[in-house]
Amino acid sequence: MEAFYIFLIKSSGLIALFYLAYHFMLRKETFFTSNRWFLLLGLFTSVLLPLVVFTKIIWVEPTPINYDWS
């Protein structure tokens, strides 16, 4: 259930980001078809992008420990 809440937070943030981009850049444009495509692609992107997970594997070499047994 926690993963679903994280998905909703990420998706809501992306929807807000696309809406703010629309509001500040495309609101007064008269190309209604392109505005509609922008908003639809924003919705699809906000659903699909939170599902992408990037993982980075870092290999750490163990440091050799030299014991003085004398």
PDB file of N, CA and C in Angstrom:
ATOM      1  N   MET A   1       0.814  -1.189   0.000  1.00  0.00           N
ATOM      2  CA  MET A   1       0.000   0.000   0.000  1.00  0.00           C
ATOM      3  C   MET A   1       0.861   1.258   0.000  1.00  0.00           C
ATOM      4  N   GLU A   2       2.025   1.164   0.638  1.00  0.00           N
ATOM      5  CA  GLU A   2       2.914   2.316   0.684  1.00  0.00           C
ATOM      6  C   GLU A   2       3.442   2.663  -0.709  1.00  0.00           C
ATOM      7  N   ALA A   3       3.699   1.655  -1.529  1.00  0.00           N
ATOM      8  CA  ALA A   3       4.174   1.890  -2.890  1.00  0.00           C
ATOM      9  C   ALA A   3       3.110   2.611  -3.715  1.00  0.00           C
ATOM     10  N   PHE A   4       1.852   2.308  -3.465  1.00  0.00           N
ATOM     11  CA  PHE A   4       0.769   2.976  -4.179  1.00  0.00           C
ATOM     12  C   PHE A   4       0.707   4.451  -3.808  1.00  0.00           C
ATOM     13  N   TYR A   5       0.910   4.779  -2.540  1.00  0.00           N
ATOM     14  CA  TYR A   5       0.909   6.176  -2.112  1.00  0.00           C
ATOM     15  C   TYR A   5       2.079   6.941  -2.723  1.00  0.00           C
ATOM     16  N   ILE A   6       3.229   6.303  -2.805  1.00  0.00           N
ATOM     17  CA  ILE A   6       4.387   6.947  -3.434  1.00  0.00           C
ATOM     18  C   ILE A   6       4.111   7.181  -4.914  1.00  0.00           C
ATOM     19  N   PHE A   7       3.480   6.196  -5.570  1.00  0.00           N
ATOM     20  CA  PHE A   7       3.093   6.375  -6.969  1.00  0.00           C
ATOM     21  C   PHE A   7       2.144   7.548  -7.128  1.00  0.00           C
ATOM     22  N   LEU A   8       1.156   7.656  -6.245  1.00  0.00           N
ATOM     23  CA  LEU A   8       0.200   8.760  -6.331  1.00  0.00           C
ATOM     24  C   LEU A   8       0.875  10.107  -6.111  1.00  0.00           C
ATOM     25  N   ILE A   9       1.818  10.178  -5.198  1.00  0.00           N
ATOM     26  CA  ILE A   9       2.525  11.445  -4.945  1.00  0.00           C
ATOM     27  C   ILE A   9       3.351  11.837  -6.159  1.00  0.00           C
ATOM     28  N   LYS A  10       4.077  10.875  -6.744  1.00  0.00           N
ATOM     29  CA  LYS A  10       4.879  11.172  -7.932  1.00  0.00           C
ATOM     30  C   LYS A  10       3.989  11.580  -9.100  1.00  0.00           C
ATOM     31  N   SER A  11       2.908  10.861  -9.293  1.00  0.00           N
ATOM     32  CA  SER A  11       2.007  11.152 -10.398  1.00  0.00           C
ATOM     33  C   SER A  11       1.340  12.515 -10.218  1.00  0.00           C
ATOM     34  N   SER A  12       0.938  12.826  -9.011  1.00  0.00           N
ATOM     35  CA  SER A  12       0.316  14.127  -8.755  1.00  0.00           C
ATOM     36  C   SER A  12       1.303  15.265  -8.973  1.00  0.00           C
ATOM     37  N   GLY A  13       2.538  15.052  -8.587  1.00  0.00           N
ATOM     38  CA  GLY A  13       3.560  16.072  -8.813  1.00  0.00           C
ATOM     39  C   GLY A  13       3.794  16.318 -10.297  1.00  0.00           C
ATOM     40  N   LEU A  14       3.821  15.249 -11.085  1.00  0.00           N
ATOM     41  CA  LEU A  14       4.007  15.411 -12.522  1.00  0.00           C
ATOM     42  C   LEU A  14       2.812  16.083 -13.176  1.00  0.00           C
ATOM     43  N   ILE A  15       1.613  15.745 -12.734  1.00  0.00           N
ATOM     44  CA  ILE A  15       0.417  16.410 -13.275  1.00  0.00           C
ATOM     45  C   ILE A  15       0.465  17.895 -12.947  1.00  0.00           C
ATOM     46  N   ALA A  16       0.861  18.233 -11.725  1.00  0.00           N
ATOM     47  CA  ALA A  16       0.973  19.645 -11.349  1.00  0.00           C
ATOM     48  C   ALA A  16       2.043  20.346 -12.178  1.00  0.00           C
ATOM     49  N   LEU A  17       3.154  19.668 -12.444  1.00  0.00           N
ATOM     50  CA  LEU A  17       4.219  20.248 -13.250  1.00  0.00           C
ATOM     51  C   LEU A  17       3.745  20.517 -14.679  1.00  0.00           C
ATOM     52  N   PHE A  18       3.042  19.563 -15.280  1.00  0.00           N
ATOM     53  CA  PHE A  18       2.517  19.768 -16.629  1.00  0.00           C
ATOM     54  C   PHE A  18       1.457  20.866 -16.646  1.00  0.00           C
ATOM     55  N   TYR A  19       0.629  20.929 -15.613  1.00  0.00           N
ATOM     56  CA  TYR A  19      -0.383  21.977 -15.577  1.00  0.00           C
ATOM     57  C   TYR A  19       0.254  23.360 -15.436  1.00  0.00           C
ATOM     58  N   LEU A  20       1.283  23.462 -14.596  1.00  0.00           N
ATOM     59  CA  LEU A  20       1.961  24.749 -14.466  1.00  0.00           C
ATOM     60  C   LEU A  20       2.649  25.156 -15.760  1.00  0.00           C
ATOM     61  N   ALA A  21       3.240  24.188 -16.465  1.00  0.00           N
ATOM     62  CA  ALA A  21       3.844  24.488 -17.766  1.00  0.00           C
ATOM     63  C   ALA A  21       2.776  24.956 -18.746  1.00  0.00           C
ATOM     64  N   TYR A  22       1.621  24.312 -18.735  1.00  0.00           N
ATOM     65  CA  TYR A  22       0.522  24.747 -19.601  1.00  0.00           C
ATOM     66  C   TYR A  22       0.045  26.144 -19.211  1.00  0.00           C
ATOM     67  N   HIS A  23      -0.110  26.362 -17.926  1.00  0.00           N
ATOM     68  CA  HIS A  23      -0.661  27.631 -17.458  1.00  0.00           C
ATOM     69  C   HIS A  23       0.254  28.809 -17.802  1.00  0.00           C
ATOM     70  N   PHE A  24       1.555  28.636 -17.644  1.00  0.00           N
ATOM     71  CA  PHE A  24       2.461  29.746 -17.867  1.00  0.00           C
ATOM     72  C   PHE A  24       2.912  29.897 -19.321  1.00  0.00           C
ATOM     73  N   MET A  25       2.871  28.813 -20.102  1.00  0.00           N
ATOM     74  CA  MET A  25       3.393  28.912 -21.467  1.00  0.00           C
ATOM     75  C   MET A  25       2.336  28.785 -22.559  1.00  0.00           C
ATOM     76  N   LEU A  26       1.313  27.987 -22.356  1.00  0.00           N
ATOM     77  CA  LEU A  26       0.392  27.676 -23.446  1.00  0.00           C
ATOM     78  C   LEU A  26      -1.037  28.174 -23.232  1.00  0.00           C
ATOM     79  N   ARG A  27      -1.297  28.833 -22.136  1.00  0.00           N
ATOM     80  CA  ARG A  27      -2.671  29.208 -21.811  1.00  0.00           C
ATOM     81  C   ARG A  27      -3.273  30.153 -22.840  1.00  0.00           C
ATOM     82  N   LYS A  28      -2.511  31.102 -23.338  1.00  0.00           N
ATOM     83  CA  LYS A  28      -3.057  32.111 -24.247  1.00  0.00           C
ATOM     84  C   LYS A  28      -2.899  31.745 -25.719  1.00  0.00           C
ATOM     85  N   GLU A  29      -2.371  30.579 -25.995  1.00  0.00           N
ATOM     86  CA  GLU A  29      -2.225  30.147 -27.384  1.00  0.00           C
ATOM     87  C   GLU A  29      -3.586  29.750 -27.950  1.00  0.00           C
ATOM     88  N   THR A  30      -3.737  29.951 -29.253  1.00  0.00           N
ATOM     89  CA  THR A  30      -5.010  29.612 -29.887  1.00  0.00           C
ATOM     90  C   THR A  30      -4.939  28.291 -30.651  1.00  0.00           C
ATOM     91  N   PHE A  31      -3.826  27.578 -30.532  1.00  0.00           N
ATOM     92  CA  PHE A  31      -3.700  26.265 -31.167  1.00  0.00           C
ATOM     93  C   PHE A  31      -4.299  25.227 -30.219  1.00  0.00           C
ATOM     94  N   PHE A  32      -5.617  25.113 -30.268  1.00  0.00           N
ATOM     95  CA  PHE A  32      -6.309  24.280 -29.301  1.00  0.00           C
ATOM     96  C   PHE A  32      -5.977  22.797 -29.455  1.00  0.00           C
ATOM     97  N   THR A  33      -5.717  22.369 -30.669  1.00  0.00           N
ATOM     98  CA  THR A  33      -5.384  20.960 -30.887  1.00  0.00           C
ATOM     99  C   THR A  33      -4.040  20.624 -30.255  1.00  0.00           C
ATOM    100  N   SER A  34      -3.049  21.488 -30.431  1.00  0.00           N
ATOM    101  CA  SER A  34      -1.738  21.219 -29.829  1.00  0.00           C
ATOM    102  C   SER A  34      -1.807  21.335 -28.307  1.00  0.00           C
ATOM    103  N   ASN A  35      -2.616  22.253 -27.785  1.00  0.00           N
ATOM    104  CA  ASN A  35      -2.792  22.338 -26.334  1.00  0.00           C
ATOM    105  C   ASN A  35      -3.427  21.063 -25.779  1.00  0.00           C
ATOM    106  N   ARG A  36      -4.397  20.541 -26.510  1.00  0.00           N
ATOM    107  CA  ARG A  36      -5.068  19.317 -26.081  1.00  0.00           C
ATOM    108  C   ARG A  36      -4.087  18.143 -26.092  1.00  0.00           C
ATOM    109  N   TRP A  37      -3.247  18.048 -27.119  1.00  0.00           N
ATOM    110  CA  TRP A  37      -2.242  16.979 -27.176  1.00  0.00           C
ATOM    111  C   TRP A  37      -1.222  17.115 -26.062  1.00  0.00           C
ATOM    112  N   PHE A  38      -0.833  18.356 -25.753  1.00  0.00           N
ATOM    113  CA  PHE A  38       0.112  18.569 -24.658  1.00  0.00           C
ATOM    114  C   PHE A  38      -0.464  18.076 -23.333  1.00  0.00           C
ATOM    115  N   LEU A  39      -1.713  18.415 -23.067  1.00  0.00           N
ATOM    116  CA  LEU A  39      -2.328  17.991 -21.813  1.00  0.00           C
ATOM    117  C   LEU A  39      -2.540  16.473 -21.764  1.00  0.00           C
ATOM    118  N   LEU A  40      -2.927  15.873 -22.882  1.00  0.00           N
ATOM    119  CA  LEU A  40      -3.110  14.419 -22.907  1.00  0.00           C
ATOM    120  C   LEU A  40      -1.782  13.689 -22.739  1.00  0.00           C
ATOM    121  N   LEU A  41      -0.743  14.147 -23.426  1.00  0.00           N
ATOM    122  CA  LEU A  41       0.563  13.522 -23.264  1.00  0.00           C
ATOM    123  C   LEU A  41       1.101  13.736 -21.852  1.00  0.00           C
ATOM    124  N   GLY A  42       0.763  14.861 -21.238  1.00  0.00           N
ATOM    125  CA  GLY A  42       1.147  15.083 -19.852  1.00  0.00           C
ATOM    126  C   GLY A  42       0.486  14.088 -18.919  1.00  0.00           C
ATOM    127  N   LEU A  43      -0.774  13.778 -19.160  1.00  0.00           N
ATOM    128  CA  LEU A  43      -1.465  12.784 -18.333  1.00  0.00           C
ATOM    129  C   LEU A  43      -0.867  11.396 -18.515  1.00  0.00           C
ATOM    130  N   PHE A  44      -0.610  11.005 -19.757  1.00  0.00           N
ATOM    131  CA  PHE A  44      -0.020   9.681 -19.999  1.00  0.00           C
ATOM    132  C   PHE A  44       1.384   9.589 -19.420  1.00  0.00           C
ATOM    133  N   THR A  45       2.151  10.669 -19.545  1.00  0.00           N
ATOM    134  CA  THR A  45       3.500  10.677 -18.995  1.00  0.00           C
ATOM    135  C   THR A  45       3.473  10.598 -17.480  1.00  0.00           C
ATOM    136  N   SER A  46       2.529  11.288 -16.861  1.00  0.00           N
ATOM    137  CA  SER A  46       2.459  11.268 -15.400  1.00  0.00           C
ATOM    138  C   SER A  46       2.003   9.915 -14.862  1.00  0.00           C
ATOM    139  N   VAL A  47       1.388   9.100 -15.692  1.00  0.00           N
ATOM    140  CA  VAL A  47       1.033   7.745 -15.268  1.00  0.00           C
ATOM    141  C   VAL A  47       2.201   6.784 -15.493  1.00  0.00           C
ATOM    142  N   LEU A  48       2.904   6.945 -16.599  1.00  0.00           N
ATOM    143  CA  LEU A  48       3.956   5.985 -16.945  1.00  0.00           C
ATOM    144  C   LEU A  48       5.307   6.300 -16.305  1.00  0.00           C
ATOM    145  N   LEU A  49       5.661   7.558 -16.141  1.00  0.00           N
ATOM    146  CA  LEU A  49       6.990   7.910 -15.649  1.00  0.00           C
ATOM    147  C   LEU A  49       7.258   7.463 -14.212  1.00  0.00           C
ATOM    148  N   PRO A  50       6.288   7.493 -13.285  1.00  0.00           N
ATOM    149  CA  PRO A  50       6.584   6.983 -11.938  1.00  0.00           C
ATOM    150  C   PRO A  50       6.850   5.474 -11.893  1.00  0.00           C
ATOM    151  N   LEU A  51       6.487   4.750 -12.938  1.00  0.00           N
ATOM    152  CA  LEU A  51       6.732   3.317 -12.955  1.00  0.00           C
ATOM    153  C   LEU A  51       8.168   2.973 -13.342  1.00  0.00           C
ATOM    154  N   VAL A  52       8.901   3.940 -13.887  1.00  0.00           N
ATOM    155  CA  VAL A  52      10.287   3.715 -14.296  1.00  0.00           C
ATOM    156  C   VAL A  52      11.181   3.842 -13.068  1.00  0.00           C
ATOM    157  N   VAL A  53      12.023   2.839 -12.864  1.00  0.00           N
ATOM    158  CA  VAL A  53      12.914   2.829 -11.707  1.00  0.00           C
ATOM    159  C   VAL A  53      14.347   2.729 -12.211  1.00  0.00           C
ATOM    160  N   PHE A  54      15.199   3.631 -11.755  1.00  0.00           N
ATOM    161  CA  PHE A  54      16.605   3.602 -12.101  1.00  0.00           C
ATOM    162  C   PHE A  54      17.379   3.036 -10.921  1.00  0.00           C
ATOM    163  N   THR A  55      18.186   2.026 -11.181  1.00  0.00           N
ATOM    164  CA  THR A  55      19.022   1.466 -10.129  1.00  0.00           C
ATOM    165  C   THR A  55      20.473   1.590 -10.549  1.00  0.00           C
ATOM    166  N   LYS A  56      21.316   1.866  -9.603  1.00  0.00           N
ATOM    167  CA  LYS A  56      22.739   1.992  -9.869  1.00  0.00           C
ATOM    168  C   LYS A  56      23.468   1.058  -8.911  1.00  0.00           C
ATOM    169  N   ILE A  57      24.250   0.164  -9.489  1.00  0.00           N
ATOM    170  CA  ILE A  57      24.993  -0.797  -8.683  1.00  0.00           C
ATOM    171  C   ILE A  57      26.411  -0.273  -8.518  1.00  0.00           C
ATOM    172  N   ILE A  58      26.836  -0.161  -7.292  1.00  0.00           N
ATOM    173  CA  ILE A  58      28.180   0.308  -6.976  1.00  0.00           C
ATOM    174  C   ILE A  58      28.944  -0.844  -6.348  1.00  0.00           C
ATOM    175  N   TRP A  59      30.034  -1.243  -6.983  1.00  0.00           N
ATOM    176  CA  TRP A  59      30.866  -2.322  -6.473  1.00  0.00           C
ATOM    177  C   TRP A  59      31.967  -1.709  -5.618  1.00  0.00           C
ATOM    178  N   VAL A  60      32.063  -2.178  -4.401  1.00  0.00           N
ATOM    179  CA  VAL A  60      33.089  -1.709  -3.478  1.00  0.00           C
ATOM    180  C   VAL A  60      34.069  -2.850  -3.257  1.00  0.00           C
ATOM    181  N   GLU A  61      35.316  -2.602  -3.598  1.00  0.00           N
ATOM    182  CA  GLU A  61      36.343  -3.621  -3.399  1.00  0.00           C
ATOM    183  C   GLU A  61      36.685  -3.702  -1.918  1.00  0.00           C
ATOM    184  N   PRO A  62      36.727  -4.913  -1.364  1.00  0.00           N
ATOM    185  CA  PRO A  62      37.094  -5.018   0.047  1.00  0.00           C
ATOM    186  C   PRO A  62      38.576  -4.676   0.233  1.00  0.00           C
ATOM    187  N   THR A  63      38.843  -3.937   1.265  1.00  0.00           N
ATOM    188  CA  THR A  63      40.234  -3.584   1.530  1.00  0.00           C
ATOM    189  C   THR A  63      40.902  -4.743   2.251  1.00  0.00           C
ATOM    190  N   PRO A  64      42.071  -5.154   1.781  1.00  0.00           N
ATOM    191  CA  PRO A  64      42.754  -6.276   2.446  1.00  0.00           C
ATOM    192  C   PRO A  64      43.300  -5.836   3.805  1.00  0.00           C
ATOM    193  N   ILE A  65      43.064  -6.676   4.775  1.00  0.00           N
ATOM    194  CA  ILE A  65      43.543  -6.390   6.138  1.00  0.00           C
ATOM    195  C   ILE A  65      44.729  -7.303   6.406  1.00  0.00           C
ATOM    196  N   ASN A  66      45.863  -6.708   6.632  1.00  0.00           N
ATOM    197  CA  ASN A  66      47.077  -7.482   6.924  1.00  0.00           C
ATOM    198  C   ASN A  66      47.262  -7.545   8.437  1.00  0.00           C
ATOM    199  N   TYR A  67      47.127  -8.766   8.956  1.00  0.00           N
ATOM    200  CA  TYR A  67      47.325  -8.957  10.390  1.00  0.00           C
ATOM    201  C   TYR A  67      48.786  -9.304  10.656  1.00  0.00           C
ATOM    202  N   ASP A  68      49.322  -8.714  11.696  1.00  0.00           N
ATOM    203  CA  ASP A  68      50.697  -9.039  12.114  1.00  0.00           C
ATOM    204  C   ASP A  68      50.591 -10.089  13.214  1.00  0.00           C
ATOM    205  N   TRP A  69      50.812 -11.369  12.872  1.00  0.00           N
ATOM    206  CA  TRP A  69      50.640 -12.467  13.806  1.00  0.00           C
ATOM    207  C   TRP A  69      51.890 -12.737  14.650  1.00  0.00           C
ATOM    208  N   SER A  70      52.906 -11.920  14.511  1.00  0.00           N
ATOM    209  CA  SER A  70      54.126 -12.189  15.282  1.00  0.00           C
ATOM    210  C   SER A  70      54.049 -11.688  16.713  1.00  0.00           C
TER     211      SER A  70
END
